């Protein structure tokens, strides 16, 4: 079973993503900000990171840079609002595997997760 780190500061979105992933058989760890995510990465092995860009304490771009430097084999999917084009392009330059625009279809999220894994 793959373990996925979901980094999202909106608890409703985080819980909805976690619920959908768990129903598909994935183990999910939630982090509500970048600092919490960084701590989780040091404590557990993850097969995938799903992160928002706009996060408190440590934004998603900083988290992606950290993850790609320290855990380069973990793929990353970015979940963010589409009007942050510059940040999304920056995320792709850092090596993220995919981007999903909010609001998103939960079934599309699952398809993309399966493709990345």
C-alpha atoms as a PDB file:
ATOM      1  CA  UNK A   1       0.000   0.000   0.000  1.00  0.00           C
ATOM      2  CA  UNK A   2       1.366   3.404  -0.998  1.00  0.00           C
ATOM      3  CA  UNK A   3       1.601   6.150   1.598  1.00  0.00           C
ATOM      4  CA  UNK A   4       0.732   9.650   0.400  1.00  0.00           C
ATOM      5  CA  UNK A   5       1.540  12.929   2.130  1.00  0.00           C
ATOM      6  CA  UNK A   6      -1.237  15.477   1.525  1.00  0.00           C
ATOM      7  CA  UNK A   7      -0.198  19.054   2.303  1.00  0.00           C
ATOM      8  CA  UNK A   8      -3.185  21.409   2.286  1.00  0.00           C
ATOM      9  CA  UNK A   9      -4.039  24.238   4.708  1.00  0.00           C
ATOM     10  CA  UNK A  10      -7.782  24.146   3.934  1.00  0.00           C
ATOM     11  CA  UNK A  11      -8.981  21.376   6.252  1.00  0.00           C
ATOM     12  CA  UNK A  12     -12.129  20.710   4.215  1.00  0.00           C
ATOM     13  CA  UNK A  13     -10.100  20.149   1.039  1.00  0.00           C
ATOM     14  CA  UNK A  14      -7.470  18.130   2.935  1.00  0.00           C
ATOM     15  CA  UNK A  15     -10.104  15.861   4.478  1.00  0.00           C
ATOM     16  CA  UNK A  16     -11.927  15.399   1.159  1.00  0.00           C
ATOM     17  CA  UNK A  17      -8.680  14.424  -0.602  1.00  0.00           C
ATOM     18  CA  UNK A  18      -7.721  12.084   2.265  1.00  0.00           C
ATOM     19  CA  UNK A  19     -11.179  10.460   2.254  1.00  0.00           C
ATOM     20  CA  UNK A  20     -11.048   9.804  -1.500  1.00  0.00           C
ATOM     21  CA  UNK A  21      -7.484   8.429  -1.377  1.00  0.00           C
ATOM     22  CA  UNK A  22      -8.260   6.173   1.613  1.00  0.00           C
ATOM     23  CA  UNK A  23     -11.300   4.757  -0.212  1.00  0.00           C
ATOM     24  CA  UNK A  24      -8.907   3.807  -3.030  1.00  0.00           C
ATOM     25  CA  UNK A  25      -6.714   1.922  -0.549  1.00  0.00           C
ATOM     26  CA  UNK A  26      -3.933   4.434   0.041  1.00  0.00           C
ATOM     27  CA  UNK A  27      -2.515   5.318   3.425  1.00  0.00           C
ATOM     28  CA  UNK A  28      -2.722   9.086   3.908  1.00  0.00           C
ATOM     29  CA  UNK A  29      -0.861  11.464   6.202  1.00  0.00           C
ATOM     30  CA  UNK A  30      -2.201  15.031   6.375  1.00  0.00           C
ATOM     31  CA  UNK A  31      -0.082  18.118   6.984  1.00  0.00           C
ATOM     32  CA  UNK A  32      -1.776  21.502   7.268  1.00  0.00           C
ATOM     33  CA  UNK A  33       1.348  23.565   6.543  1.00  0.00           C
ATOM     34  CA  UNK A  34       4.819  23.287   5.036  1.00  0.00           C
ATOM     35  CA  UNK A  35       6.654  22.948   8.361  1.00  0.00           C
ATOM     36  CA  UNK A  36       4.431  20.046   9.401  1.00  0.00           C
ATOM     37  CA  UNK A  37       5.016  18.418   5.988  1.00  0.00           C
ATOM     38  CA  UNK A  38       8.795  18.753   6.335  1.00  0.00           C
ATOM     39  CA  UNK A  39       8.599  17.084   9.764  1.00  0.00           C
ATOM     40  CA  UNK A  40       6.461  14.217   8.375  1.00  0.00           C
ATOM     41  CA  UNK A  41       8.929  13.653   5.511  1.00  0.00           C
ATOM     42  CA  UNK A  42      11.656  13.074   8.077  1.00  0.00           C
ATOM     43  CA  UNK A  43       9.593  10.544  10.029  1.00  0.00           C
ATOM     44  CA  UNK A  44       7.984   8.323   7.424  1.00  0.00           C
ATOM     45  CA  UNK A  45       8.521   6.938   3.917  1.00  0.00           C
ATOM     46  CA  UNK A  46       6.151   8.344   1.301  1.00  0.00           C
ATOM     47  CA  UNK A  47       5.482   7.220  -2.271  1.00  0.00           C
ATOM     48  CA  UNK A  48       3.802  10.501  -3.267  1.00  0.00           C
ATOM     49  CA  UNK A  49       3.373  14.099  -2.107  1.00  0.00           C
ATOM     50  CA  UNK A  50       0.251  16.090  -3.009  1.00  0.00           C
ATOM     51  CA  UNK A  51       0.722  19.731  -2.057  1.00  0.00           C
ATOM     52  CA  UNK A  52      -0.919  23.104  -2.345  1.00  0.00           C
ATOM     53  CA  UNK A  53       1.262  26.099  -3.295  1.00  0.00           C
ATOM     54  CA  UNK A  54      -0.161  28.651  -0.868  1.00  0.00           C
ATOM     55  CA  UNK A  55       0.696  27.301   2.587  1.00  0.00           C
ATOM     56  CA  UNK A  56       1.435  28.929   5.933  1.00  0.00           C
ATOM     57  CA  UNK A  57       4.988  29.022   7.397  1.00  0.00           C
ATOM     58  CA  UNK A  58       6.671  27.404   4.390  1.00  0.00           C
ATOM     59  CA  UNK A  59       5.024  27.761   0.989  1.00  0.00           C
ATOM     60  CA  UNK A  60       4.557  24.931  -1.478  1.00  0.00           C
ATOM     61  CA  UNK A  61       7.472  26.035  -3.687  1.00  0.00           C
ATOM     62  CA  UNK A  62       9.842  25.938  -0.688  1.00  0.00           C
ATOM     63  CA  UNK A  63       8.445  22.530   0.259  1.00  0.00           C
ATOM     64  CA  UNK A  64       8.923  21.236  -3.304  1.00  0.00           C
ATOM     65  CA  UNK A  65      12.536  22.504  -3.337  1.00  0.00           C
ATOM     66  CA  UNK A  66      13.159  20.802   0.016  1.00  0.00           C
ATOM     67  CA  UNK A  67      11.544  17.519  -1.064  1.00  0.00           C
ATOM     68  CA  UNK A  68      13.298  17.403  -4.459  1.00  0.00           C
ATOM     69  CA  UNK A  69      16.668  18.059  -2.766  1.00  0.00           C
ATOM     70  CA  UNK A  70      16.251  15.606   0.120  1.00  0.00           C
ATOM     71  CA  UNK A  71      13.820  13.010  -1.291  1.00  0.00           C
ATOM     72  CA  UNK A  72      14.294  13.216  -5.088  1.00  0.00           C
ATOM     73  CA  UNK A  73      12.594   9.866  -5.770  1.00  0.00           C
ATOM     74  CA  UNK A  74       9.212  10.965  -4.327  1.00  0.00           C
ATOM     75  CA  UNK A  75       6.894  12.251  -7.079  1.00  0.00           C
ATOM     76  CA  UNK A  76       4.911  15.414  -6.389  1.00  0.00           C
ATOM     77  CA  UNK A  77       1.473  16.496  -7.592  1.00  0.00           C
ATOM     78  CA  UNK A  78       0.568  20.157  -7.066  1.00  0.00           C
ATOM     79  CA  UNK A  79      -3.047  21.062  -6.218  1.00  0.00           C
ATOM     80  CA  UNK A  80      -3.580  24.794  -6.572  1.00  0.00           C
ATOM     81  CA  UNK A  81      -5.763  27.520  -7.996  1.00  0.00           C
ATOM     82  CA  UNK A  82      -5.060  28.090 -11.663  1.00  0.00           C
ATOM     83  CA  UNK A  83      -4.386  31.840 -11.455  1.00  0.00           C
ATOM     84  CA  UNK A  84      -0.950  31.201  -9.922  1.00  0.00           C
ATOM     85  CA  UNK A  85       0.634  30.475 -13.309  1.00  0.00           C
ATOM     86  CA  UNK A  86       4.098  31.790 -12.401  1.00  0.00           C
ATOM     87  CA  UNK A  87       4.241  29.578  -9.303  1.00  0.00           C
ATOM     88  CA  UNK A  88       2.961  26.564 -11.218  1.00  0.00           C
ATOM     89  CA  UNK A  89       5.664  27.043 -13.884  1.00  0.00           C
ATOM     90  CA  UNK A  90       8.215  27.372 -11.095  1.00  0.00           C
ATOM     91  CA  UNK A  91       6.957  24.100  -9.576  1.00  0.00           C
ATOM     92  CA  UNK A  92       7.361  22.277 -12.912  1.00  0.00           C
ATOM     93  CA  UNK A  93      10.894  23.661 -13.273  1.00  0.00           C
ATOM     94  CA  UNK A  94      11.635  22.171  -9.847  1.00  0.00           C
ATOM     95  CA  UNK A  95      10.508  18.773 -11.120  1.00  0.00           C
ATOM     96  CA  UNK A  96       6.915  18.180 -10.035  1.00  0.00           C
ATOM     97  CA  UNK A  97       5.154  15.432 -11.949  1.00  0.00           C
ATOM     98  CA  UNK A  98       1.684  16.910 -12.297  1.00  0.00           C
ATOM     99  CA  UNK A  99      -0.583  19.870 -11.537  1.00  0.00           C
ATOM    100  CA  UNK A 100      -4.294  19.816 -10.771  1.00  0.00           C
ATOM    101  CA  UNK A 101      -6.243  23.052 -10.747  1.00  0.00           C
ATOM    102  CA  UNK A 102      -8.692  23.756  -7.890  1.00  0.00           C
ATOM    103  CA  UNK A 103     -11.569  23.165  -7.808  1.00  0.00           C
ATOM    104  CA  UNK A 104     -10.895  19.654  -9.040  1.00  0.00           C
ATOM    105  CA  UNK A 105     -12.770  16.452  -9.742  1.00  0.00           C
ATOM    106  CA  UNK A 106     -11.881  13.810  -7.103  1.00  0.00           C
ATOM    107  CA  UNK A 107     -12.005  11.050  -9.745  1.00  0.00           C
ATOM    108  CA  UNK A 108      -9.485  12.950 -11.874  1.00  0.00           C
ATOM    109  CA  UNK A 109      -7.235  13.235  -8.826  1.00  0.00           C
ATOM    110  CA  UNK A 110      -7.344   9.441  -8.344  1.00  0.00           C
ATOM    111  CA  UNK A 111      -6.534   8.818 -12.029  1.00  0.00           C
ATOM    112  CA  UNK A 112      -3.541  11.140 -11.840  1.00  0.00           C
ATOM    113  CA  UNK A 113      -2.335   9.588  -8.573  1.00  0.00           C
ATOM    114  CA  UNK A 114      -2.507   6.121 -10.131  1.00  0.00           C
ATOM    115  CA  UNK A 115      -0.628   7.352 -13.220  1.00  0.00           C
ATOM    116  CA  UNK A 116       2.161   8.928 -11.135  1.00  0.00           C
ATOM    117  CA  UNK A 117       2.497   5.876  -8.890  1.00  0.00           C
END
